Amino acid sequence: FRSHVTECDGLRSRIVSAIRRGPDSTLWFGTYGGGVSRYDGVSVRTFGAAEGLTDPFVRALWSAPGGELVVGTENQGLFAFVNGSFKRIAPLVQGRVNSIVGDAEGRIWVGGERGVACDPGDHVAMTLGPSIMVQSIVSAVDSVWIGTDVGLFVIDTRHLPWTMTPVLAVPEQAITSMARDVLGNLWIGTHGHGLLRLQGRTLKTYTPADKLSSLYVEQVLLDAYQNVWVGTRQGVDMLEFDPLQEELLDVDHYGREEGLIGIETFRNAGYLDADSALWFGTVRGATRIDPANTERDENEPITRITALELFYQQADWSPWST
């Protein structure tokens, strides 16, 4: 039930930092240092500076309503992939981009090191709120939830002018990733404080005491059955709740023994695919997990060591080899 896409398949970086499927069913991988790669299920084609993507450090991907791919980068803001090449868009969005989402009105919301911006569709963008680091954005009907390094904010899009209002029920903690379930619960990943669930004004915290693998949550996403999946620095956890999403029934962990070749997940690089499978970007490529077929394979995998690196760099091991 697992498959992987790595440098061996043609990615130019081992770190997969963003995942998105376009309206033409093409799967896109953003990588940290290797640009963007298009995967058709068989082969990988990579795009970089030669195609106009001058910043190869990708942090976010979004498929715009018109079908174009929007790319958020580490240093140069936003790019759009149009007619086979990339071009810079939204000049007001500069520097690091961490999150790109769309809302029901066709607007694109962008979060990064300079706060949050909204692109109404003309690729110009207007900047909203204070200049704080935004890590994750969730759009829900008439509200936009914004996770930052200093807590959670919300924008009520029904009333102008739009303003970022702090959500006092959530502590001023660094938020890393968020997802909203069909019942309206907001699931919040944090940097060092575990997983939070905001239900109205009630906050519940999940930590390793609840069988969570780590307090450092990098990804939060929901599968087609509304199970909560959490990517951490120690692998991936699947949290199964009761139908009301209130009582935690069980936690399944996916790590090296379960076939995850890169147990350290990359922030916000999780994606629910059209076939209900889940993709997780990690420091060792992308891994696909199908929740509908998650029987554990007790057979020990065959291990072949093909390379050994020191701090992600090639090293001369000859003095210690025989």
C-alpha atoms as a PDB file:
ATOM      1  CA  PHE A   1       0.000   0.000   0.000  1.00  0.00           C
ATOM      2  CA  ARG A   2       3.059   2.246  -0.039  1.00  0.00           C
ATOM      3  CA  SER A   3       4.993   3.682  -2.956  1.00  0.00           C
ATOM      4  CA  HIS A   4       7.771   6.220  -3.111  1.00  0.00           C
ATOM      5  CA  VAL A   5       9.103   8.850  -5.506  1.00  0.00           C
ATOM      6  CA  THR A   6      12.717   9.829  -4.853  1.00  0.00           C
ATOM      7  CA  GLU A   7      15.902  11.058  -6.523  1.00  0.00           C
ATOM      8  CA  CYS A   8      16.218   7.594  -8.025  1.00  0.00           C
ATOM      9  CA  ASP A   9      13.069   8.365 -10.037  1.00  0.00           C
ATOM     10  CA  GLY A  10      14.385  11.685 -11.314  1.00  0.00           C
ATOM     11  CA  LEU A  11      13.778  14.253  -8.562  1.00  0.00           C
ATOM     12  CA  ARG A  12      16.631  16.770  -8.331  1.00  0.00           C
ATOM     13  CA  SER A  13      16.426  16.985  -4.545  1.00  0.00           C
ATOM     14  CA  ARG A  14      15.876  14.353  -1.915  1.00  0.00           C
ATOM     15  CA  ILE A  15      13.559  16.686   0.048  1.00  0.00           C
ATOM     16  CA  VAL A  16       9.947  16.866  -1.169  1.00  0.00           C
ATOM     17  CA  SER A  17       8.508  20.078   0.252  1.00  0.00           C
ATOM     18  CA  ALA A  18       5.096  20.364  -1.493  1.00  0.00           C
ATOM     19  CA  ILE A  19       2.647  18.113  -3.369  1.00  0.00           C
ATOM     20  CA  ARG A  20      -0.305  18.985  -5.600  1.00  0.00           C
ATOM     21  CA  ARG A  21      -2.335  17.381  -8.398  1.00  0.00           C
ATOM     22  CA  GLY A  22      -3.459  19.586 -11.269  1.00  0.00           C
ATOM     23  CA  PRO A  23      -6.850  19.524 -12.999  1.00  0.00           C
ATOM     24  CA  ASP A  24      -5.304  17.477 -15.819  1.00  0.00           C
ATOM     25  CA  SER A  25      -4.455  14.767 -13.230  1.00  0.00           C
ATOM     26  CA  THR A  26      -0.729  15.530 -13.348  1.00  0.00           C
ATOM     27  CA  LEU A  27       0.945  15.138  -9.972  1.00  0.00           C
ATOM     28  CA  TRP A  28       3.431  17.876  -9.068  1.00  0.00           C
ATOM     29  CA  PHE A  29       6.195  17.689  -6.488  1.00  0.00           C
ATOM     30  CA  GLY A  30       7.899  20.768  -5.125  1.00  0.00           C
ATOM     31  CA  THR A  31      11.386  20.075  -3.850  1.00  0.00           C
ATOM     32  CA  TYR A  32      13.729  21.970  -1.613  1.00  0.00           C
ATOM     33  CA  GLY A  33      16.624  22.837  -3.890  1.00  0.00           C
ATOM     34  CA  GLY A  34      15.565  20.946  -6.991  1.00  0.00           C
ATOM     35  CA  GLY A  35      12.703  23.004  -8.397  1.00  0.00           C
ATOM     36  CA  VAL A  36       9.381  21.453  -9.416  1.00  0.00           C
ATOM     37  CA  SER A  37       8.838  17.975 -10.856  1.00  0.00           C
ATOM     38  CA  ARG A  38       5.896  16.617 -12.843  1.00  0.00           C
ATOM     39  CA  TYR A  39       5.047  12.945 -12.301  1.00  0.00           C
ATOM     40  CA  ASP A  40       2.730  10.989 -14.603  1.00  0.00           C
ATOM     41  CA  GLY A  41       2.886   7.771 -12.614  1.00  0.00           C
ATOM     42  CA  VAL A  42       5.806   6.418 -14.636  1.00  0.00           C
ATOM     43  CA  SER A  43       8.410   9.096 -15.229  1.00  0.00           C
ATOM     44  CA  VAL A  44       9.483  12.403 -13.712  1.00  0.00           C
ATOM     45  CA  ARG A  45      10.167  15.645 -15.571  1.00  0.00           C
ATOM     46  CA  THR A  46      11.829  18.453 -13.630  1.00  0.00           C
ATOM     47  CA  PHE A  47      11.496  22.213 -14.161  1.00  0.00           C
ATOM     48  CA  GLY A  48      13.928  24.830 -12.902  1.00  0.00           C
ATOM     49  CA  ALA A  49      15.792  27.959 -13.906  1.00  0.00           C
ATOM     50  CA  ALA A  50      15.769  27.046 -17.603  1.00  0.00           C
ATOM     51  CA  GLU A  51      11.958  27.213 -17.525  1.00  0.00           C
ATOM     52  CA  GLY A  52      11.870  30.466 -15.530  1.00  0.00           C
ATOM     53  CA  LEU A  53      11.730  29.094 -11.979  1.00  0.00           C
ATOM     54  CA  THR A  54      14.745  31.013 -10.702  1.00  0.00           C
ATOM     55  CA  ASP A  55      14.313  29.929  -7.070  1.00  0.00           C
ATOM     56  CA  PRO A  56      14.652  26.126  -6.820  1.00  0.00           C
ATOM     57  CA  PHE A  57      13.664  26.058  -3.131  1.00  0.00           C
ATOM     58  CA  VAL A  58       9.920  25.376  -3.285  1.00  0.00           C
ATOM     59  CA  ARG A  59       7.735  25.529  -0.179  1.00  0.00           C
ATOM     60  CA  ALA A  60       4.145  25.523  -1.495  1.00  0.00           C
ATOM     61  CA  LEU A  61       2.095  24.486  -4.533  1.00  0.00           C
ATOM     62  CA  TRP A  62      -1.445  25.377  -5.553  1.00  0.00           C
ATOM     63  CA  SER A  63      -3.562  24.531  -8.574  1.00  0.00           C
ATOM     64  CA  ALA A  64      -5.398  27.753  -9.500  1.00  0.00           C
ATOM     65  CA  PRO A  65      -9.027  27.688 -10.693  1.00  0.00           C
ATOM     66  CA  GLY A  66      -7.852  28.358 -14.249  1.00  0.00           C
ATOM     67  CA  GLY A  67      -5.635  25.278 -14.160  1.00  0.00           C
ATOM     68  CA  GLU A  68      -2.270  26.991 -13.805  1.00  0.00           C
ATOM     69  CA  LEU A  69       0.179  25.795 -11.185  1.00  0.00           C
ATOM     70  CA  VAL A  70       1.148  28.422  -8.583  1.00  0.00           C
ATOM     71  CA  VAL A  71       4.479  27.926  -6.821  1.00  0.00           C
ATOM     72  CA  GLY A  72       5.600  29.512  -3.562  1.00  0.00           C
ATOM     73  CA  THR A  73       9.355  29.690  -3.032  1.00  0.00           C
ATOM     74  CA  GLU A  74      11.839  30.297  -0.259  1.00  0.00           C
ATOM     75  CA  ASN A  75      13.290  33.595  -1.467  1.00  0.00           C
ATOM     76  CA  GLN A  76      11.421  34.940  -4.507  1.00  0.00           C
ATOM     77  CA  GLY A  77       7.721  34.843  -3.700  1.00  0.00           C
ATOM     78  CA  LEU A  78       5.242  33.424  -6.216  1.00  0.00           C
ATOM     79  CA  PHE A  79       5.541  31.932  -9.707  1.00  0.00           C
ATOM     80  CA  ALA A  80       2.863  30.652 -12.088  1.00  0.00           C
ATOM     81  CA  PHE A  81       3.386  27.882 -14.635  1.00  0.00           C
ATOM     82  CA  VAL A  82       1.770  28.961 -17.903  1.00  0.00           C
ATOM     83  CA  ASN A  83       2.338  27.505 -21.395  1.00  0.00           C
ATOM     84  CA  GLY A  84       5.363  25.484 -20.375  1.00  0.00           C
ATOM     85  CA  SER A  85       7.278  28.135 -18.423  1.00  0.00           C
ATOM     86  CA  PHE A  86       7.240  29.969 -15.115  1.00  0.00           C
ATOM     87  CA  LYS A  87       6.778  33.673 -14.530  1.00  0.00           C
ATOM     88  CA  ARG A  88       6.791  35.816 -11.399  1.00  0.00           C
ATOM     89  CA  ILE A  89       3.366  36.959 -10.205  1.00  0.00           C
ATOM     90  CA  ALA A  90       1.911  39.027  -7.332  1.00  0.00           C
ATOM     91  CA  PRO A  91       4.787  41.492  -6.847  1.00  0.00           C
ATOM     92  CA  LEU A  92       3.533  42.441  -3.377  1.00  0.00           C
ATOM     93  CA  VAL A  93       4.269  38.890  -2.197  1.00  0.00           C
ATOM     94  CA  GLN A  94       8.002  38.791  -1.627  1.00  0.00           C
ATOM     95  CA  GLY A  95      10.419  36.487   0.135  1.00  0.00           C
ATOM     96  CA  ARG A  96       9.393  33.196   1.653  1.00  0.00           C
ATOM     97  CA  VAL A  97       5.972  31.679   0.906  1.00  0.00           C
ATOM     98  CA  ASN A  98       4.791  28.856   3.196  1.00  0.00           C
ATOM     99  CA  SER A  99       1.151  28.322   2.272  1.00  0.00           C
ATOM    100  CA  ILE A 100      -1.173  28.836  -0.715  1.00  0.00           C
ATOM    101  CA  VAL A 101      -4.902  28.021  -0.598  1.00  0.00           C
ATOM    102  CA  GLY A 102      -8.015  28.990  -2.536  1.00  0.00           C
ATOM    103  CA  ASP A 103     -11.478  29.899  -1.274  1.00  0.00           C
ATOM    104  CA  ALA A 104     -15.002  29.417  -2.622  1.00  0.00           C
ATOM    105  CA  GLU A 105     -14.899  32.842  -4.294  1.00  0.00           C
ATOM    106  CA  GLY A 106     -11.876  31.924  -6.416  1.00  0.00           C
ATOM    107  CA  ARG A 107      -9.451  34.032  -4.407  1.00  0.00           C
ATOM    108  CA  ILE A 108      -5.948  32.804  -3.605  1.00  0.00           C
ATOM    109  CA  TRP A 109      -4.618  33.303  -0.076  1.00  0.00           C
ATOM    110  CA  VAL A 110      -0.868  33.345   0.426  1.00  0.00           C
ATOM    111  CA  GLY A 111       1.022  33.181   3.714  1.00  0.00           C
ATOM    112  CA  GLY A 112       4.703  33.688   4.349  1.00  0.00           C
ATOM    113  CA  GLU A 113       7.352  35.663   6.146  1.00  0.00           C
ATOM    114  CA  ARG A 114       5.598  38.993   5.497  1.00  0.00           C
ATOM    115  CA  GLY A 115       2.158  37.986   6.683  1.00  0.00           C
ATOM    116  CA  VAL A 116      -0.894  37.035   4.628  1.00  0.00           C
ATOM    117  CA  ALA A 117      -1.935  38.314   1.207  1.00  0.00           C
ATOM    118  CA  CYS A 118      -5.036  37.766  -0.921  1.00  0.00           C
ATOM    119  CA  ASP A 119      -4.932  37.508  -4.692  1.00  0.00           C
ATOM    120  CA  PRO A 120      -8.442  38.226  -6.046  1.00  0.00           C
ATOM    121  CA  GLY A 121      -7.504  36.594  -9.339  1.00  0.00           C
ATOM    122  CA  ASP A 122      -5.497  39.262 -11.129  1.00  0.00           C
ATOM    123  CA  HIS A 123      -2.139  38.072  -9.717  1.00  0.00           C
ATOM    124  CA  VAL A 124      -1.525  41.433  -8.076  1.00  0.00           C
ATOM    125  CA  ALA A 125      -2.391  40.587  -4.427  1.00  0.00           C
ATOM    126  CA  MET A 126      -3.129  42.812  -1.459  1.00  0.00           C
ATOM    127  CA  THR A 127      -1.348  42.418   1.867  1.00  0.00           C
ATOM    128  CA  LEU A 128      -3.391  42.081   5.052  1.00  0.00           C
ATOM    129  CA  GLY A 129      -2.534  42.306   8.726  1.00  0.00           C
ATOM    130  CA  PRO A 130       0.785  42.480  10.547  1.00  0.00           C
ATOM    131  CA  SER A 131       4.050  41.330   9.033  1.00  0.00           C
ATOM    132  CA  ILE A 132       4.365  38.075  10.964  1.00  0.00           C
ATOM    133  CA  MET A 133       5.435  34.620   9.815  1.00  0.00           C
ATOM    134  CA  VAL A 134       2.406  32.732   8.476  1.00  0.00           C
ATOM    135  CA  GLN A 135       2.868  28.969   8.230  1.00  0.00           C
ATOM    136  CA  SER A 136      -0.576  27.630   7.317  1.00  0.00           C
ATOM    137  CA  ILE A 137      -3.947  28.869   6.003  1.00  0.00           C
ATOM    138  CA  VAL A 138      -7.355  27.156   5.965  1.00  0.00           C
ATOM    139  CA  SER A 139     -10.338  28.583   4.097  1.00  0.00           C
ATOM    140  CA  ALA A 140     -13.774  27.681   5.449  1.00  0.00           C
ATOM    141  CA  VAL A 141     -16.967  29.211   3.973  1.00  0.00           C
ATOM    142  CA  ASP A 142     -16.829  32.830   5.182  1.00  0.00           C
ATOM    143  CA  SER A 143     -13.720  32.567   7.361  1.00  0.00           C
ATOM    144  CA  VAL A 144     -10.013  32.243   6.721  1.00  0.00           C
ATOM    145  CA  TRP A 145      -7.939  30.703   9.511  1.00  0.00           C
ATOM    146  CA  ILE A 146      -4.305  31.752   9.702  1.00  0.00           C
ATOM    147  CA  GLY A 147      -1.672  29.832  11.646  1.00  0.00           C
ATOM    148  CA  THR A 148       1.396  31.868  12.555  1.00  0.00           C
ATOM    149  CA  ASP A 149       4.517  31.681  14.685  1.00  0.00           C
ATOM    150  CA  VAL A 150       2.609  33.578  17.398  1.00  0.00           C
ATOM    151  CA  GLY A 151      -0.714  31.759  17.430  1.00  0.00           C
ATOM    152  CA  LEU A 152      -3.981  31.507  15.490  1.00  0.00           C
ATOM    153  CA  PHE A 153      -5.862  34.333  13.741  1.00  0.00           C
ATOM    154  CA  VAL A 154      -9.103  34.445  11.764  1.00  0.00           C
ATOM    155  CA  ILE A 155     -10.448  36.756   9.035  1.00  0.00           C
ATOM    156  CA  ASP A 156     -14.211  37.142   8.626  1.00  0.00           C
ATOM    157  CA  THR A 157     -14.531  37.686   4.869  1.00  0.00           C
ATOM    158  CA  ARG A 158     -18.169  38.843   5.186  1.00  0.00           C
ATOM    159  CA  HIS A 159     -17.182  42.208   6.583  1.00  0.00           C
ATOM    160  CA  LEU A 160     -14.913  44.877   5.129  1.00  0.00           C
ATOM    161  CA  PRO A 161     -12.268  45.925   5.810  1.00  0.00           C
ATOM    162  CA  TRP A 162     -10.789  42.490   6.427  1.00  0.00           C
ATOM    163  CA  THR A 163      -8.817  42.240   9.643  1.00  0.00           C
ATOM    164  CA  MET A 164      -6.841  39.482  11.347  1.00  0.00           C
ATOM    165  CA  THR A 165      -8.406  38.765  14.741  1.00  0.00           C
ATOM    166  CA  PRO A 166      -6.487  36.644  17.263  1.00  0.00           C
ATOM    167  CA  VAL A 167      -8.233  33.468  18.443  1.00  0.00           C
ATOM    168  CA  LEU A 168      -7.849  33.706  22.191  1.00  0.00           C
ATOM    169  CA  ALA A 169      -8.761  30.060  22.822  1.00  0.00           C
ATOM    170  CA  VAL A 170      -5.468  29.008  21.227  1.00  0.00           C
ATOM    171  CA  PRO A 171      -2.217  29.831  23.079  1.00  0.00           C
ATOM    172  CA  GLU A 172       0.369  32.044  21.382  1.00  0.00           C
ATOM    173  CA  GLN A 173       2.341  29.040  20.173  1.00  0.00           C
ATOM    174  CA  ALA A 174       4.087  28.440  16.869  1.00  0.00           C
ATOM    175  CA  ILE A 175       1.585  26.786  14.502  1.00  0.00           C
ATOM    176  CA  THR A 176       2.950  24.636  11.688  1.00  0.00           C
ATOM    177  CA  SER A 177       0.011  23.082   9.827  1.00  0.00           C
ATOM    178  CA  MET A 178      -3.796  22.965   9.937  1.00  0.00           C
ATOM    179  CA  ALA A 179      -6.813  21.098   8.549  1.00  0.00           C
ATOM    180  CA  ARG A 180     -10.577  21.450   9.044  1.00  0.00           C
ATOM    181  CA  ASP A 181     -12.893  18.442   9.156  1.00  0.00           C
ATOM    182  CA  VAL A 182     -16.496  18.168   7.938  1.00  0.00           C
ATOM    183  CA  LEU A 183     -17.796  18.827  11.451  1.00  0.00           C
ATOM    184  CA  GLY A 184     -16.011  22.163  11.620  1.00  0.00           C
ATOM    185  CA  ASN A 185     -13.233  21.088  13.975  1.00  0.00           C
ATOM    186  CA  LEU A 186      -9.919  22.806  13.301  1.00  0.00           C
ATOM    187  CA  TRP A 187      -6.913  20.512  13.725  1.00  0.00           C
ATOM    188  CA  ILE A 188      -3.722  22.412  14.459  1.00  0.00           C
ATOM    189  CA  GLY A 189      -0.151  21.150  14.375  1.00  0.00           C
ATOM    190  CA  THR A 190       2.353  22.982  16.563  1.00  0.00           C
ATOM    191  CA  HIS A 191       6.093  23.306  16.978  1.00  0.00           C
ATOM    192  CA  GLY A 192       6.764  21.554  20.267  1.00  0.00           C
ATOM    193  CA  HIS A 193       3.248  21.398  21.722  1.00  0.00           C
ATOM    194  CA  GLY A 194       1.695  18.476  19.870  1.00  0.00           C
ATOM    195  CA  LEU A 195      -1.636  18.434  18.044  1.00  0.00           C
ATOM    196  CA  LEU A 196      -4.546  20.727  18.966  1.00  0.00           C
ATOM    197  CA  ARG A 197      -8.240  20.405  18.170  1.00  0.00           C
ATOM    198  CA  LEU A 198     -10.316  23.589  18.250  1.00  0.00           C
ATOM    199  CA  GLN A 199     -14.019  22.797  18.567  1.00  0.00           C
ATOM    200  CA  GLY A 200     -15.879  26.084  18.828  1.00  0.00           C
ATOM    201  CA  ARG A 201     -14.090  27.714  21.762  1.00  0.00           C
ATOM    202  CA  THR A 202     -12.949  24.438  23.299  1.00  0.00           C
ATOM    203  CA  LEU A 203      -9.340  23.357  22.853  1.00  0.00           C
ATOM    204  CA  LYS A 204      -8.026  19.817  23.251  1.00  0.00           C
ATOM    205  CA  THR A 205      -4.326  18.879  23.132  1.00  0.00           C
ATOM    206  CA  TYR A 206      -2.832  15.564  21.979  1.00  0.00           C
ATOM    207  CA  THR A 207       0.748  14.668  22.927  1.00  0.00           C
ATOM    208  CA  PRO A 208       2.959  11.556  23.182  1.00  0.00           C
ATOM    209  CA  ALA A 209       0.904  10.695  26.277  1.00  0.00           C
ATOM    210  CA  ASP A 210      -1.899  10.004  23.756  1.00  0.00           C
ATOM    211  CA  LYS A 211       0.496   7.875  21.621  1.00  0.00           C
ATOM    212  CA  LEU A 212       1.451  10.752  19.314  1.00  0.00           C
ATOM    213  CA  SER A 213       4.978  10.146  18.005  1.00  0.00           C
ATOM    214  CA  SER A 214       6.289  13.643  18.630  1.00  0.00           C
ATOM    215  CA  LEU A 215       5.419  17.066  19.999  1.00  0.00           C
ATOM    216  CA  TYR A 216       6.754  18.521  16.744  1.00  0.00           C
ATOM    217  CA  VAL A 217       3.970  18.251  14.163  1.00  0.00           C
ATOM    218  CA  GLU A 218       4.850  19.224  10.582  1.00  0.00           C
ATOM    219  CA  GLN A 219       1.770  18.043   8.663  1.00  0.00           C
ATOM    220  CA  VAL A 220      -1.946  17.677   9.432  1.00  0.00           C
ATOM    221  CA  LEU A 221      -4.407  16.274   6.913  1.00  0.00           C
ATOM    222  CA  LEU A 222      -7.666  14.335   6.806  1.00  0.00           C
ATOM    223  CA  ASP A 223      -8.359  11.263   4.717  1.00  0.00           C
ATOM    224  CA  ALA A 224     -11.636  10.438   2.974  1.00  0.00           C
ATOM    225  CA  TYR A 225     -12.877   8.758   6.179  1.00  0.00           C
ATOM    226  CA  GLN A 226     -12.042  11.879   8.268  1.00  0.00           C
ATOM    227  CA  ASN A 227      -9.245  10.137  10.106  1.00  0.00           C
ATOM    228  CA  VAL A 228      -6.590  12.614  11.198  1.00  0.00           C
ATOM    229  CA  TRP A 229      -3.095  12.029   9.805  1.00  0.00           C
ATOM    230  CA  VAL A 230      -0.148  13.749  11.413  1.00  0.00           C
ATOM    231  CA  GLY A 231       3.329  14.005   9.922  1.00  0.00           C
ATOM    232  CA  THR A 232       6.060  14.477  12.527  1.00  0.00           C
ATOM    233  CA  ARG A 233       9.828  14.343  12.802  1.00  0.00           C
ATOM    234  CA  GLN A 234       9.452  10.714  13.875  1.00  0.00           C
ATOM    235  CA  GLY A 235       7.170   9.406  11.144  1.00  0.00           C
ATOM    236  CA  VAL A 236       3.442   9.545  10.413  1.00  0.00           C
ATOM    237  CA  ASP A 237       0.567   8.878  12.830  1.00  0.00           C
ATOM    238  CA  MET A 238      -3.040   8.076  11.954  1.00  0.00           C
ATOM    239  CA  LEU A 239      -5.486   9.085  14.684  1.00  0.00           C
ATOM    240  CA  GLU A 240      -8.835   7.297  14.605  1.00  0.00           C
ATOM    241  CA  PHE A 241     -11.700   9.024  16.403  1.00  0.00           C
ATOM    242  CA  ASP A 242     -15.347   8.237  17.030  1.00  0.00           C
ATOM    243  CA  PRO A 243     -17.874   9.563  14.464  1.00  0.00           C
ATOM    244  CA  LEU A 244     -18.155  12.881  16.355  1.00  0.00           C
ATOM    245  CA  GLN A 245     -14.358  13.338  16.300  1.00  0.00           C
ATOM    246  CA  GLU A 246     -14.334  13.612  20.095  1.00  0.00           C
ATOM    247  CA  GLU A 247     -13.022  10.350  21.552  1.00  0.00           C
ATOM    248  CA  LEU A 248      -9.618   9.109  20.386  1.00  0.00           C
ATOM    249  CA  LEU A 249      -9.980   5.390  19.682  1.00  0.00           C
ATOM    250  CA  ASP A 250      -6.569   4.390  18.376  1.00  0.00           C
ATOM    251  CA  VAL A 251      -3.292   5.659  16.917  1.00  0.00           C
ATOM    252  CA  ASP A 252      -1.425   3.808  14.167  1.00  0.00           C
ATOM    253  CA  HIS A 253       2.201   4.729  13.591  1.00  0.00           C
ATOM    254  CA  TYR A 254       4.082   4.549  10.287  1.00  0.00           C
ATOM    255  CA  GLY A 255       7.855   4.627  10.475  1.00  0.00           C
ATOM    256  CA  ARG A 256      10.825   2.755   9.071  1.00  0.00           C
ATOM    257  CA  GLU A 257       9.466  -0.649  10.108  1.00  0.00           C
ATOM    258  CA  GLU A 258       6.257   0.121   8.210  1.00  0.00           C
ATOM    259  CA  GLY A 259       8.143   1.062   5.045  1.00  0.00           C
ATOM    260  CA  LEU A 260       8.463   4.845   5.405  1.00  0.00           C
ATOM    261  CA  ILE A 261      11.913   5.528   3.946  1.00  0.00           C
ATOM    262  CA  GLY A 262      12.003   9.148   5.157  1.00  0.00           C
ATOM    263  CA  ILE A 263      10.512   9.366   8.652  1.00  0.00           C
ATOM    264  CA  GLU A 264      11.077  13.123   9.002  1.00  0.00           C
ATOM    265  CA  THR A 265       8.198  14.810   7.193  1.00  0.00           C
ATOM    266  CA  PHE A 266       8.452  18.273   5.626  1.00  0.00           C
ATOM    267  CA  ARG A 267       6.167  21.033   6.867  1.00  0.00           C
ATOM    268  CA  ASN A 268       2.807  21.289   5.044  1.00  0.00           C
ATOM    269  CA  ALA A 269       3.897  18.749   2.392  1.00  0.00           C
ATOM    270  CA  GLY A 270       0.900  16.462   2.789  1.00  0.00           C
ATOM    271  CA  TYR A 271      -1.804  15.879   0.180  1.00  0.00           C
ATOM    272  CA  LEU A 272      -5.084  13.931  -0.083  1.00  0.00           C
ATOM    273  CA  ASP A 273      -5.231  12.577  -3.613  1.00  0.00           C
ATOM    274  CA  ALA A 274      -8.295  12.092  -5.793  1.00  0.00           C
ATOM    275  CA  ASP A 275      -8.245   8.326  -5.209  1.00  0.00           C
ATOM    276  CA  SER A 276      -8.269   8.896  -1.403  1.00  0.00           C
ATOM    277  CA  ALA A 277      -4.606   7.948  -1.073  1.00  0.00           C
ATOM    278  CA  LEU A 278      -2.330  10.200   0.968  1.00  0.00           C
ATOM    279  CA  TRP A 279       1.015  11.640  -0.065  1.00  0.00           C
ATOM    280  CA  PHE A 280       3.616  12.702   2.468  1.00  0.00           C
ATOM    281  CA  GLY A 281       6.647  14.792   1.550  1.00  0.00           C
ATOM    282  CA  THR A 282       9.718  13.855   3.564  1.00  0.00           C
ATOM    283  CA  VAL A 283      13.452  14.455   3.654  1.00  0.00           C
ATOM    284  CA  ARG A 284      13.804  11.242   1.603  1.00  0.00           C
ATOM    285  CA  GLY A 285      11.287  11.809  -1.176  1.00  0.00           C
ATOM    286  CA  ALA A 286       7.510  11.411  -1.280  1.00  0.00           C
ATOM    287  CA  THR A 287       5.586   8.448   0.107  1.00  0.00           C
ATOM    288  CA  ARG A 288       2.071   7.404  -0.894  1.00  0.00           C
ATOM    289  CA  ILE A 289      -0.134   5.576   1.631  1.00  0.00           C
ATOM    290  CA  ASP A 290      -3.526   4.098   0.765  1.00  0.00           C
ATOM    291  CA  PRO A 291      -5.685   4.073   3.940  1.00  0.00           C
ATOM    292  CA  ALA A 292      -8.052   1.558   2.361  1.00  0.00           C
ATOM    293  CA  ASN A 293      -5.306  -1.061   2.265  1.00  0.00           C
ATOM    294  CA  THR A 294      -3.120  -0.693   5.318  1.00  0.00           C
ATOM    295  CA  GLU A 295      -2.511  -4.254   6.418  1.00  0.00           C
ATOM    296  CA  ARG A 296       0.857  -4.610   8.104  1.00  0.00           C
ATOM    297  CA  ASP A 297       3.474  -6.667   6.243  1.00  0.00           C
ATOM    298  CA  GLU A 298       5.451  -8.598   8.877  1.00  0.00           C
ATOM    299  CA  ASN A 299       8.122  -9.729   6.400  1.00  0.00           C
ATOM    300  CA  GLU A 300      11.452  -8.025   6.897  1.00  0.00           C
ATOM    301  CA  PRO A 301      12.308  -5.912   3.834  1.00  0.00           C
ATOM    302  CA  ILE A 302      15.481  -6.520   1.849  1.00  0.00           C
ATOM    303  CA  THR A 303      17.934  -3.725   2.647  1.00  0.00           C
ATOM    304  CA  ARG A 304      20.517  -2.515   0.148  1.00  0.00           C
ATOM    305  CA  ILE A 305      22.829   0.364   1.018  1.00  0.00           C
ATOM    306  CA  THR A 306      23.636   2.306  -2.145  1.00  0.00           C
ATOM    307  CA  ALA A 307      25.151   5.474  -0.690  1.00  0.00           C
ATOM    308  CA  LEU A 308      26.231   7.022   2.588  1.00  0.00           C
ATOM    309  CA  GLU A 309      26.245  10.773   3.235  1.00  0.00           C
ATOM    310  CA  LEU A 310      27.486  12.938   6.089  1.00  0.00           C
ATOM    311  CA  PHE A 311      25.230  15.926   6.862  1.00  0.00           C
ATOM    312  CA  TYR A 312      23.599  15.518   3.386  1.00  0.00           C
ATOM    313  CA  GLN A 313      27.029  15.746   1.719  1.00  0.00           C
ATOM    314  CA  GLN A 314      29.150  13.184  -0.116  1.00  0.00           C
ATOM    315  CA  ALA A 315      32.162  12.148   1.980  1.00  0.00           C
ATOM    316  CA  ASP A 316      35.420  10.316   1.368  1.00  0.00           C
ATOM    317  CA  TRP A 317      35.110   7.090   3.352  1.00  0.00           C
ATOM    318  CA  SER A 318      38.286   5.493   2.001  1.00  0.00           C
ATOM    319  CA  PRO A 319      40.308   5.877   5.267  1.00  0.00           C
ATOM    320  CA  TRP A 320      37.734   3.701   7.032  1.00  0.00           C
ATOM    321  CA  SER A 321      36.997   1.234   4.238  1.00  0.00           C
ATOM    322  CA  THR A 322      38.630  -2.158   3.836  1.00  0.00           C
END
